[in-house]
C-alpha atoms as a PDB file:
ATOM      1  CA  UNK A   1      31.165   7.140  13.423  1.00  0.00           C
ATOM      2  CA  UNK A   2      28.397   9.714  13.527  1.00  0.00           C
ATOM      3  CA  UNK A   3      25.960  11.039  10.967  1.00  0.00           C
ATOM      4  CA  UNK A   4      24.315  14.358  10.455  1.00  0.00           C
ATOM      5  CA  UNK A   5      20.674  14.529  11.549  1.00  0.00           C
ATOM      6  CA  UNK A   6      19.552  14.864   7.921  1.00  0.00           C
ATOM      7  CA  UNK A   7      21.335  11.591   7.091  1.00  0.00           C
ATOM      8  CA  UNK A   8      19.686   9.836  10.037  1.00  0.00           C
ATOM      9  CA  UNK A   9      16.238  10.937   8.824  1.00  0.00           C
ATOM     10  CA  UNK A  10      16.964   9.371   5.421  1.00  0.00           C
ATOM     11  CA  UNK A  11      18.154   6.157   7.114  1.00  0.00           C
ATOM     12  CA  UNK A  12      14.923   6.015   9.146  1.00  0.00           C
ATOM     13  CA  UNK A  13      12.875   6.566   5.971  1.00  0.00           C
ATOM     14  CA  UNK A  14      14.692   3.681   4.255  1.00  0.00           C
ATOM     15  CA  UNK A  15      14.207   1.455   7.303  1.00  0.00           C
ATOM     16  CA  UNK A  16      10.482   2.230   7.386  1.00  0.00           C
ATOM     17  CA  UNK A  17      10.288   1.305   3.720  1.00  0.00           C
ATOM     18  CA  UNK A  18      12.049  -2.029   4.272  1.00  0.00           C
ATOM     19  CA  UNK A  19       9.794  -2.877   7.232  1.00  0.00           C
ATOM     20  CA  UNK A  20       6.632  -1.893   5.379  1.00  0.00           C
ATOM     21  CA  UNK A  21       5.882   0.921   7.834  1.00  0.00           C
ATOM     22  CA  UNK A  22       4.287   4.083   6.508  1.00  0.00           C
ATOM     23  CA  UNK A  23       6.237   7.092   7.720  1.00  0.00           C
ATOM     24  CA  UNK A  24       3.998  10.161   7.800  1.00  0.00           C
ATOM     25  CA  UNK A  25       5.646  13.537   8.256  1.00  0.00           C
ATOM     26  CA  UNK A  26       3.019  16.229   8.656  1.00  0.00           C
ATOM     27  CA  UNK A  27       2.217  19.410  10.551  1.00  0.00           C
ATOM     28  CA  UNK A  28      -0.193  19.631  13.447  1.00  0.00           C
ATOM     29  CA  UNK A  29      -0.677  19.781  17.187  1.00  0.00           C
ATOM     30  CA  UNK A  30       0.821  16.403  18.119  1.00  0.00           C
ATOM     31  CA  UNK A  31       4.109  15.010  19.372  1.00  0.00           C
ATOM     32  CA  UNK A  32       4.304  11.951  17.108  1.00  0.00           C
ATOM     33  CA  UNK A  33       4.265   8.206  17.583  1.00  0.00           C
ATOM     34  CA  UNK A  34       3.130   4.954  16.024  1.00  0.00           C
ATOM     35  CA  UNK A  35      -0.251   3.449  15.316  1.00  0.00           C
ATOM     36  CA  UNK A  36      -1.927   0.581  13.499  1.00  0.00           C
ATOM     37  CA  UNK A  37      -4.763   1.381  11.092  1.00  0.00           C
ATOM     38  CA  UNK A  38      -6.481  -1.391   9.139  1.00  0.00           C
ATOM     39  CA  UNK A  39      -3.503  -3.701   9.662  1.00  0.00           C
ATOM     40  CA  UNK A  40      -1.026  -1.093   8.374  1.00  0.00           C
ATOM     41  CA  UNK A  41       1.700   0.250  10.646  1.00  0.00           C
ATOM     42  CA  UNK A  42       2.311   3.971  10.718  1.00  0.00           C
ATOM     43  CA  UNK A  43       4.823   6.222  12.431  1.00  0.00           C
ATOM     44  CA  UNK A  44       3.710   9.849  12.494  1.00  0.00           C
ATOM     45  CA  UNK A  45       6.244  12.639  12.926  1.00  0.00           C
ATOM     46  CA  UNK A  46       5.431  16.323  13.366  1.00  0.00           C
ATOM     47  CA  UNK A  47       7.331  18.380  10.763  1.00  0.00           C
ATOM     48  CA  UNK A  48       6.991  21.495  12.930  1.00  0.00           C
ATOM     49  CA  UNK A  49       9.124  19.998  15.690  1.00  0.00           C
ATOM     50  CA  UNK A  50      12.913  20.448  15.675  1.00  0.00           C
ATOM     51  CA  UNK A  51      14.859  17.801  13.757  1.00  0.00           C
ATOM     52  CA  UNK A  52      16.379  16.350  16.928  1.00  0.00           C
ATOM     53  CA  UNK A  53      12.917  15.855  18.443  1.00  0.00           C
ATOM     54  CA  UNK A  54      11.684  14.134  15.271  1.00  0.00           C
ATOM     55  CA  UNK A  55      14.702  11.814  15.386  1.00  0.00           C
ATOM     56  CA  UNK A  56      13.946  10.940  19.009  1.00  0.00           C
ATOM     57  CA  UNK A  57      10.354  10.018  18.075  1.00  0.00           C
ATOM     58  CA  UNK A  58      11.631   7.787  15.272  1.00  0.00           C
ATOM     59  CA  UNK A  59      14.245   6.161  17.507  1.00  0.00           C
ATOM     60  CA  UNK A  60      11.674   5.555  20.257  1.00  0.00           C
ATOM     61  CA  UNK A  61       9.161   3.978  17.889  1.00  0.00           C
ATOM     62  CA  UNK A  62      11.684   1.838  16.003  1.00  0.00           C
ATOM     63  CA  UNK A  63      13.125   0.848  19.377  1.00  0.00           C
ATOM     64  CA  UNK A  64       9.809  -0.867  20.156  1.00  0.00           C
ATOM     65  CA  UNK A  65      10.295  -3.185  17.170  1.00  0.00           C
ATOM     66  CA  UNK A  66      12.472  -6.307  17.270  1.00  0.00           C
ATOM     67  CA  UNK A  67      15.255  -5.329  14.871  1.00  0.00           C
ATOM     68  CA  UNK A  68      17.655  -8.112  15.839  1.00  0.00           C
ATOM     69  CA  UNK A  69      17.373  -9.818  12.441  1.00  0.00           C
ATOM     70  CA  UNK A  70      17.270  -6.610  10.415  1.00  0.00           C
ATOM     71  CA  UNK A  71      20.474  -5.175   8.989  1.00  0.00           C
ATOM     72  CA  UNK A  72      20.967  -1.601  10.145  1.00  0.00           C
ATOM     73  CA  UNK A  73      23.842   0.728   9.437  1.00  0.00           C
ATOM     74  CA  UNK A  74      25.821   0.670  12.713  1.00  0.00           C
ATOM     75  CA  UNK A  75      25.297   4.383  13.375  1.00  0.00           C
ATOM     76  CA  UNK A  76      21.509   3.960  13.053  1.00  0.00           C
ATOM     77  CA  UNK A  77      21.409   0.914  15.327  1.00  0.00           C
ATOM     78  CA  UNK A  78      23.506   2.798  17.872  1.00  0.00           C
ATOM     79  CA  UNK A  79      21.187   5.819  17.691  1.00  0.00           C
ATOM     80  CA  UNK A  80      18.084   3.688  18.204  1.00  0.00           C
ATOM     81  CA  UNK A  81      19.606   1.724  21.088  1.00  0.00           C
ATOM     82  CA  UNK A  82      20.930   4.898  22.726  1.00  0.00           C
ATOM     83  CA  UNK A  83      17.580   6.684  22.753  1.00  0.00           C
END
């Protein structure tokens, strides 16, 4: 089972919401990544980058989090684990 990139972005947005992570999608001269500011977790994604590159940033950053006890749609879990 595979999903379109647009569907994966929505799944990542929903996951960020459930995990209380602020997902910031903005334009600028940066690749993207995660950070902690005043005890709030953020993942920053560059809107100017191609969709596939933004998905890879999201998968990389969510891959750093222990998601073993978090329900994920199988296609999303597979995408994160495969990146």
